[in-house]
N, C-alpha and C. Protein backbone atom coordinates (compact mmCIF):
# COMPACT_ATOMS: atom_id res chain seq x y z
N MET A 1 31.55 -38.30 28.99
CA MET A 1 30.80 -39.46 28.60
C MET A 1 29.89 -39.08 27.44
N GLN A 2 29.69 -40.02 26.55
CA GLN A 2 28.75 -39.85 25.44
C GLN A 2 27.72 -40.96 25.50
N ILE A 3 26.52 -40.63 25.09
CA ILE A 3 25.51 -41.67 24.93
C ILE A 3 25.04 -41.64 23.48
N ARG A 4 24.60 -42.79 23.00
CA ARG A 4 24.12 -42.93 21.62
C ARG A 4 22.78 -43.67 21.69
N ILE A 5 21.77 -43.06 21.11
CA ILE A 5 20.45 -43.68 21.07
C ILE A 5 20.25 -44.25 19.68
N ARG A 6 20.05 -45.54 19.60
CA ARG A 6 19.88 -46.22 18.31
C ARG A 6 18.42 -46.11 17.84
N PRO A 7 18.17 -46.34 16.55
CA PRO A 7 16.80 -46.26 16.01
C PRO A 7 15.80 -47.17 16.75
N ASP A 8 16.30 -48.31 17.28
CA ASP A 8 15.39 -49.22 18.00
C ASP A 8 15.16 -48.79 19.45
N GLY A 9 15.78 -47.69 19.88
CA GLY A 9 15.61 -47.18 21.24
C GLY A 9 16.65 -47.66 22.23
N SER A 10 17.50 -48.62 21.84
CA SER A 10 18.56 -49.07 22.75
C SER A 10 19.60 -47.96 22.88
N VAL A 11 20.31 -47.97 24.01
CA VAL A 11 21.25 -46.90 24.32
C VAL A 11 22.64 -47.48 24.60
N ASP A 12 23.66 -46.86 24.02
CA ASP A 12 25.05 -47.21 24.25
C ASP A 12 25.73 -46.03 24.94
N GLU A 13 26.86 -46.29 25.55
CA GLU A 13 27.65 -45.20 26.12
C GLU A 13 29.13 -45.52 26.06
N ARG A 14 29.93 -44.47 26.18
CA ARG A 14 31.38 -44.59 26.26
C ARG A 14 31.90 -43.38 27.01
N ALA A 15 33.12 -43.48 27.51
CA ALA A 15 33.72 -42.39 28.27
C ALA A 15 35.05 -42.00 27.64
N SER A 16 35.36 -40.71 27.69
CA SER A 16 36.65 -40.27 27.16
C SER A 16 37.76 -40.73 28.11
N SER A 17 38.87 -41.12 27.50
CA SER A 17 39.99 -41.65 28.26
C SER A 17 41.28 -41.30 27.54
N HIS A 18 41.90 -40.24 27.93
CA HIS A 18 43.14 -39.75 27.34
C HIS A 18 42.94 -39.43 25.86
N ASP A 19 43.33 -40.30 24.94
CA ASP A 19 43.27 -39.96 23.52
C ASP A 19 42.23 -40.78 22.76
N GLY A 20 41.26 -41.32 23.48
CA GLY A 20 40.24 -42.12 22.83
C GLY A 20 39.05 -42.31 23.75
N TYR A 21 38.24 -43.29 23.44
CA TYR A 21 37.04 -43.58 24.22
C TYR A 21 37.06 -45.03 24.65
N ASN A 22 36.65 -45.29 25.88
CA ASN A 22 36.64 -46.64 26.42
C ASN A 22 35.30 -46.93 27.07
N TYR A 23 34.97 -48.21 27.07
CA TYR A 23 33.77 -48.66 27.77
C TYR A 23 34.13 -49.20 29.15
N GLU A 24 35.21 -49.98 29.21
CA GLU A 24 35.63 -50.52 30.49
C GLU A 24 37.13 -50.41 30.63
N GLU A 25 37.60 -50.45 31.87
CA GLU A 25 39.02 -50.34 32.14
C GLU A 25 39.74 -51.62 31.73
N GLY A 26 41.00 -51.51 31.33
CA GLY A 26 41.77 -52.70 31.02
C GLY A 26 42.85 -52.46 29.99
N THR A 27 43.76 -53.42 29.87
CA THR A 27 44.89 -53.30 28.96
C THR A 27 44.46 -53.25 27.50
N ALA A 28 43.29 -53.78 27.17
CA ALA A 28 42.82 -53.75 25.78
C ALA A 28 42.58 -52.33 25.30
N ASN A 29 42.52 -51.37 26.21
CA ASN A 29 42.27 -49.97 25.85
C ASN A 29 43.55 -49.14 25.74
N TRP A 30 44.70 -49.72 25.97
CA TRP A 30 45.93 -48.95 25.94
C TRP A 30 46.14 -48.25 24.60
N GLY A 31 45.81 -48.90 23.50
CA GLY A 31 45.95 -48.26 22.19
C GLY A 31 45.08 -47.02 22.08
N SER A 32 43.88 -47.09 22.59
CA SER A 32 42.98 -45.94 22.61
C SER A 32 43.53 -44.84 23.49
N ASP A 33 44.05 -45.23 24.66
CA ASP A 33 44.54 -44.24 25.62
C ASP A 33 45.73 -43.45 25.11
N ILE A 34 46.60 -44.08 24.32
CA ILE A 34 47.80 -43.39 23.84
C ILE A 34 47.67 -42.87 22.41
N GLY A 35 46.52 -43.07 21.81
CA GLY A 35 46.31 -42.58 20.45
C GLY A 35 46.91 -43.45 19.37
N ALA A 36 47.15 -44.71 19.67
CA ALA A 36 47.71 -45.65 18.69
C ALA A 36 46.57 -46.39 18.01
N GLY A 37 46.09 -45.82 16.92
CA GLY A 37 44.94 -46.38 16.21
C GLY A 37 45.12 -47.83 15.80
N ALA A 38 46.34 -48.21 15.41
CA ALA A 38 46.58 -49.59 14.98
C ALA A 38 46.39 -50.57 16.15
N LEU A 39 46.90 -50.21 17.33
CA LEU A 39 46.72 -51.08 18.51
C LEU A 39 45.26 -51.16 18.90
N ARG A 40 44.58 -50.02 18.86
CA ARG A 40 43.15 -50.00 19.19
C ARG A 40 42.39 -50.89 18.21
N GLY A 41 42.72 -50.77 16.93
CA GLY A 41 42.06 -51.58 15.91
C GLY A 41 42.30 -53.06 16.09
N LEU A 42 43.53 -53.44 16.44
CA LEU A 42 43.83 -54.86 16.68
C LEU A 42 43.02 -55.40 17.85
N ALA A 43 42.89 -54.62 18.92
CA ALA A 43 42.11 -55.06 20.08
C ALA A 43 40.64 -55.22 19.71
N GLU A 44 40.15 -54.35 18.82
CA GLU A 44 38.76 -54.45 18.39
C GLU A 44 38.53 -55.64 17.48
N VAL A 45 39.47 -55.89 16.55
CA VAL A 45 39.36 -57.05 15.66
C VAL A 45 39.44 -58.35 16.47
N ALA A 46 40.28 -58.36 17.50
CA ALA A 46 40.43 -59.55 18.34
C ALA A 46 39.22 -59.77 19.25
N GLY A 47 38.34 -58.78 19.32
CA GLY A 47 37.13 -58.91 20.14
C GLY A 47 37.35 -58.70 21.62
N ILE A 48 38.49 -58.09 22.00
CA ILE A 48 38.74 -57.85 23.42
C ILE A 48 38.44 -56.41 23.83
N ARG A 49 37.96 -55.64 22.88
CA ARG A 49 37.59 -54.26 23.14
C ARG A 49 36.42 -53.92 22.24
N PRO A 50 35.37 -53.25 22.78
CA PRO A 50 34.25 -52.86 21.92
C PRO A 50 34.67 -51.81 20.89
N ARG A 51 34.08 -51.86 19.70
CA ARG A 51 34.42 -50.93 18.62
C ARG A 51 34.22 -49.49 19.06
N ASP A 52 35.26 -48.68 18.93
CA ASP A 52 35.30 -47.27 19.30
C ASP A 52 34.89 -47.01 20.74
N GLY A 53 34.99 -48.05 21.59
CA GLY A 53 34.73 -47.88 23.01
C GLY A 53 33.26 -47.86 23.40
N TRP A 54 32.35 -48.21 22.49
CA TRP A 54 30.92 -48.20 22.79
C TRP A 54 30.50 -49.50 23.46
N GLY A 55 29.60 -49.40 24.42
CA GLY A 55 29.02 -50.57 25.07
C GLY A 55 27.62 -50.23 25.56
N PRO A 56 26.90 -51.23 26.07
CA PRO A 56 25.53 -50.98 26.55
C PRO A 56 25.52 -49.96 27.70
N GLU A 57 24.50 -49.14 27.72
CA GLU A 57 24.36 -48.11 28.75
C GLU A 57 24.37 -48.71 30.15
N THR A 58 25.11 -48.08 31.06
CA THR A 58 25.18 -48.52 32.45
C THR A 58 24.62 -47.48 33.42
N HIS A 59 24.38 -46.26 32.95
CA HIS A 59 23.96 -45.14 33.79
C HIS A 59 25.05 -44.71 34.75
N MET A 60 26.30 -45.11 34.49
CA MET A 60 27.40 -44.79 35.39
C MET A 60 28.59 -44.24 34.60
N LEU A 61 29.42 -43.47 35.29
CA LEU A 61 30.69 -43.01 34.74
C LEU A 61 31.72 -43.18 35.84
N PHE A 62 32.76 -43.95 35.58
CA PHE A 62 33.83 -44.18 36.53
C PHE A 62 35.06 -43.41 36.07
N VAL A 63 35.65 -42.63 36.95
CA VAL A 63 36.84 -41.85 36.62
C VAL A 63 38.00 -42.39 37.44
N SER A 64 39.09 -42.68 36.77
CA SER A 64 40.26 -43.24 37.44
C SER A 64 40.81 -42.24 38.46
N GLY A 65 41.23 -42.74 39.62
CA GLY A 65 41.78 -41.88 40.66
C GLY A 65 43.00 -41.12 40.16
N GLY A 66 43.07 -39.82 40.44
CA GLY A 66 44.19 -39.00 40.03
C GLY A 66 44.23 -38.72 38.54
N SER A 67 43.12 -38.91 37.84
CA SER A 67 43.09 -38.78 36.40
C SER A 67 41.75 -38.21 35.96
N HIS A 68 41.67 -37.88 34.69
CA HIS A 68 40.38 -37.51 34.10
C HIS A 68 39.86 -38.66 33.24
N ALA A 69 40.65 -39.72 33.09
CA ALA A 69 40.27 -40.83 32.23
C ALA A 69 39.09 -41.58 32.83
N GLY A 70 38.14 -41.94 31.98
CA GLY A 70 36.95 -42.60 32.48
C GLY A 70 36.60 -43.86 31.73
N ASN A 71 35.61 -44.55 32.27
CA ASN A 71 35.00 -45.69 31.61
C ASN A 71 33.59 -45.82 32.16
N ALA A 72 32.80 -46.65 31.51
CA ALA A 72 31.39 -46.76 31.87
C ALA A 72 31.05 -48.06 32.59
N PHE A 73 32.03 -48.97 32.69
CA PHE A 73 31.71 -50.29 33.23
C PHE A 73 32.88 -50.85 34.01
N ASP A 74 33.12 -50.35 35.19
CA ASP A 74 34.18 -50.89 36.02
C ASP A 74 33.97 -50.44 37.45
N VAL A 75 33.78 -51.40 38.33
CA VAL A 75 33.50 -51.07 39.72
C VAL A 75 34.62 -51.61 40.63
N ARG A 76 35.82 -51.75 40.11
CA ARG A 76 36.91 -52.33 40.89
C ARG A 76 37.28 -51.49 42.10
N ASP A 77 37.42 -50.19 41.91
CA ASP A 77 37.94 -49.34 42.99
C ASP A 77 37.26 -47.98 42.90
N VAL A 78 36.19 -47.80 43.63
CA VAL A 78 35.48 -46.53 43.62
C VAL A 78 36.02 -45.66 44.74
N GLU A 79 36.66 -44.56 44.38
CA GLU A 79 37.23 -43.65 45.36
C GLU A 79 36.30 -42.49 45.70
N ARG A 80 35.44 -42.13 44.77
CA ARG A 80 34.57 -40.98 44.99
C ARG A 80 33.32 -41.14 44.16
N LEU A 81 32.26 -40.55 44.62
CA LEU A 81 31.00 -40.56 43.90
C LEU A 81 30.46 -39.15 43.81
N ALA A 82 29.86 -38.82 42.70
CA ALA A 82 29.21 -37.52 42.55
C ALA A 82 27.71 -37.73 42.67
N GLN A 83 27.09 -36.98 43.53
CA GLN A 83 25.64 -37.07 43.68
C GLN A 83 24.99 -36.47 42.45
N THR A 84 23.92 -37.11 41.99
CA THR A 84 23.26 -36.62 40.77
C THR A 84 22.77 -35.19 40.93
N SER A 85 22.42 -34.79 42.12
CA SER A 85 21.96 -33.41 42.34
C SER A 85 23.08 -32.39 42.14
N ARG A 86 24.33 -32.85 42.13
CA ARG A 86 25.46 -31.95 41.94
C ARG A 86 25.97 -31.93 40.50
N ILE A 87 25.33 -32.70 39.63
CA ILE A 87 25.73 -32.74 38.23
C ILE A 87 24.73 -31.94 37.41
N HIS A 88 25.23 -31.01 36.65
CA HIS A 88 24.38 -30.15 35.83
C HIS A 88 24.83 -30.22 34.38
N LEU A 89 23.92 -30.53 33.50
CA LEU A 89 24.23 -30.56 32.08
C LEU A 89 24.01 -29.18 31.50
N ILE A 90 24.99 -28.71 30.76
CA ILE A 90 24.94 -27.37 30.18
C ILE A 90 25.07 -27.51 28.67
N PRO A 91 24.08 -27.03 27.91
CA PRO A 91 24.21 -27.09 26.45
C PRO A 91 25.37 -26.19 26.00
N LEU A 92 26.29 -26.76 25.25
CA LEU A 92 27.47 -25.99 24.86
C LEU A 92 27.29 -25.18 23.58
N GLU A 93 26.24 -25.44 22.83
CA GLU A 93 26.06 -24.69 21.58
C GLU A 93 26.05 -23.18 21.80
N PRO A 94 25.32 -22.65 22.78
CA PRO A 94 25.37 -21.19 23.00
C PRO A 94 26.76 -20.71 23.44
N VAL A 95 27.45 -21.50 24.22
CA VAL A 95 28.79 -21.13 24.66
C VAL A 95 29.73 -21.11 23.45
N ALA A 96 29.65 -22.14 22.61
CA ALA A 96 30.52 -22.24 21.45
C ALA A 96 30.28 -21.09 20.47
N ALA A 97 29.02 -20.73 20.29
CA ALA A 97 28.68 -19.69 19.31
C ALA A 97 29.25 -18.33 19.71
N GLY A 98 29.34 -18.06 21.00
CA GLY A 98 29.78 -16.74 21.43
C GLY A 98 31.16 -16.69 22.05
N SER A 99 31.90 -17.78 21.99
CA SER A 99 33.18 -17.83 22.70
C SER A 99 34.34 -17.40 21.82
N ASP A 100 35.14 -16.48 22.36
CA ASP A 100 36.42 -16.15 21.74
C ASP A 100 37.54 -16.36 22.76
N ALA A 101 37.22 -17.14 23.81
CA ALA A 101 38.18 -17.42 24.87
C ALA A 101 39.29 -18.34 24.37
N ARG A 102 40.44 -18.23 25.00
CA ARG A 102 41.56 -19.11 24.71
C ARG A 102 41.58 -20.22 25.76
N PHE A 103 41.85 -21.44 25.30
CA PHE A 103 41.85 -22.59 26.18
C PHE A 103 43.20 -23.29 26.11
N THR A 104 43.60 -23.93 27.21
CA THR A 104 44.83 -24.70 27.23
C THR A 104 44.70 -25.94 26.35
N ILE A 105 43.54 -26.57 26.39
CA ILE A 105 43.24 -27.70 25.52
C ILE A 105 42.11 -27.29 24.59
N ASN A 106 41.90 -28.04 23.54
CA ASN A 106 40.81 -27.72 22.62
C ASN A 106 39.47 -27.89 23.32
N PRO A 107 38.62 -26.87 23.26
CA PRO A 107 37.27 -27.03 23.82
C PRO A 107 36.49 -28.01 22.94
N PRO A 108 35.44 -28.60 23.47
CA PRO A 108 34.70 -29.64 22.74
C PRO A 108 34.28 -29.24 21.33
N TRP A 109 33.86 -28.02 21.13
CA TRP A 109 33.35 -27.61 19.83
C TRP A 109 34.44 -27.47 18.78
N ARG A 110 35.70 -27.62 19.16
CA ARG A 110 36.78 -27.60 18.18
C ARG A 110 37.34 -28.99 17.92
N LYS A 111 36.68 -30.00 18.43
CA LYS A 111 37.13 -31.37 18.26
C LYS A 111 36.30 -32.08 17.19
N LYS A 112 36.91 -33.07 16.58
CA LYS A 112 36.23 -33.82 15.51
C LYS A 112 34.93 -34.46 16.00
N VAL A 113 34.93 -34.95 17.24
CA VAL A 113 33.75 -35.62 17.77
C VAL A 113 32.55 -34.68 17.88
N TRP A 114 32.77 -33.39 17.93
CA TRP A 114 31.68 -32.41 17.95
C TRP A 114 30.90 -32.47 16.64
N ARG A 115 31.64 -32.62 15.55
CA ARG A 115 31.01 -32.70 14.22
C ARG A 115 30.62 -34.12 13.85
N ASP A 116 31.36 -35.11 14.39
CA ASP A 116 31.10 -36.53 14.09
C ASP A 116 31.06 -37.30 15.40
N PRO A 117 29.89 -37.47 16.00
CA PRO A 117 29.79 -38.13 17.31
C PRO A 117 30.31 -39.57 17.34
N GLU A 118 30.55 -40.18 16.19
CA GLU A 118 31.10 -41.53 16.15
C GLU A 118 32.63 -41.53 16.08
N ALA A 119 33.25 -40.36 16.04
CA ALA A 119 34.72 -40.27 15.93
C ALA A 119 35.37 -41.04 17.09
N GLY A 120 36.52 -41.65 16.80
CA GLY A 120 37.17 -42.49 17.79
C GLY A 120 38.20 -41.79 18.65
N GLY A 121 38.63 -40.59 18.27
CA GLY A 121 39.64 -39.88 19.03
C GLY A 121 39.07 -38.69 19.78
N THR A 122 39.83 -38.18 20.73
CA THR A 122 39.36 -37.05 21.53
C THR A 122 40.09 -35.76 21.20
N ASP A 123 40.85 -35.75 20.10
CA ASP A 123 41.58 -34.53 19.74
C ASP A 123 40.73 -33.57 18.93
């Protein structure tokens, strides 16, 4: 999940979902999920999907069952909850600076969104 604090103090959030970012679950996000920028763009132009998956902060992260895909605004089917006391935020800058480990997927600091937090893809 990412949060964005605007100059006026309002907060937005989005969650990573396969090959993009989504705010809520639904078919309008399929282009984002499969990495089809044109489909994602059409859904955004049509107004059925928030631009780049950003929406108002909800203080929640929903993860689809059997998946790592998430969204920030969908309470249709909650299978599990993580207690806030079990969630720990770890600054990755020190890890990134000293890491020479090999990863199966790209670690966050090797992704475009690390350098550009507004990036629309998760690669």
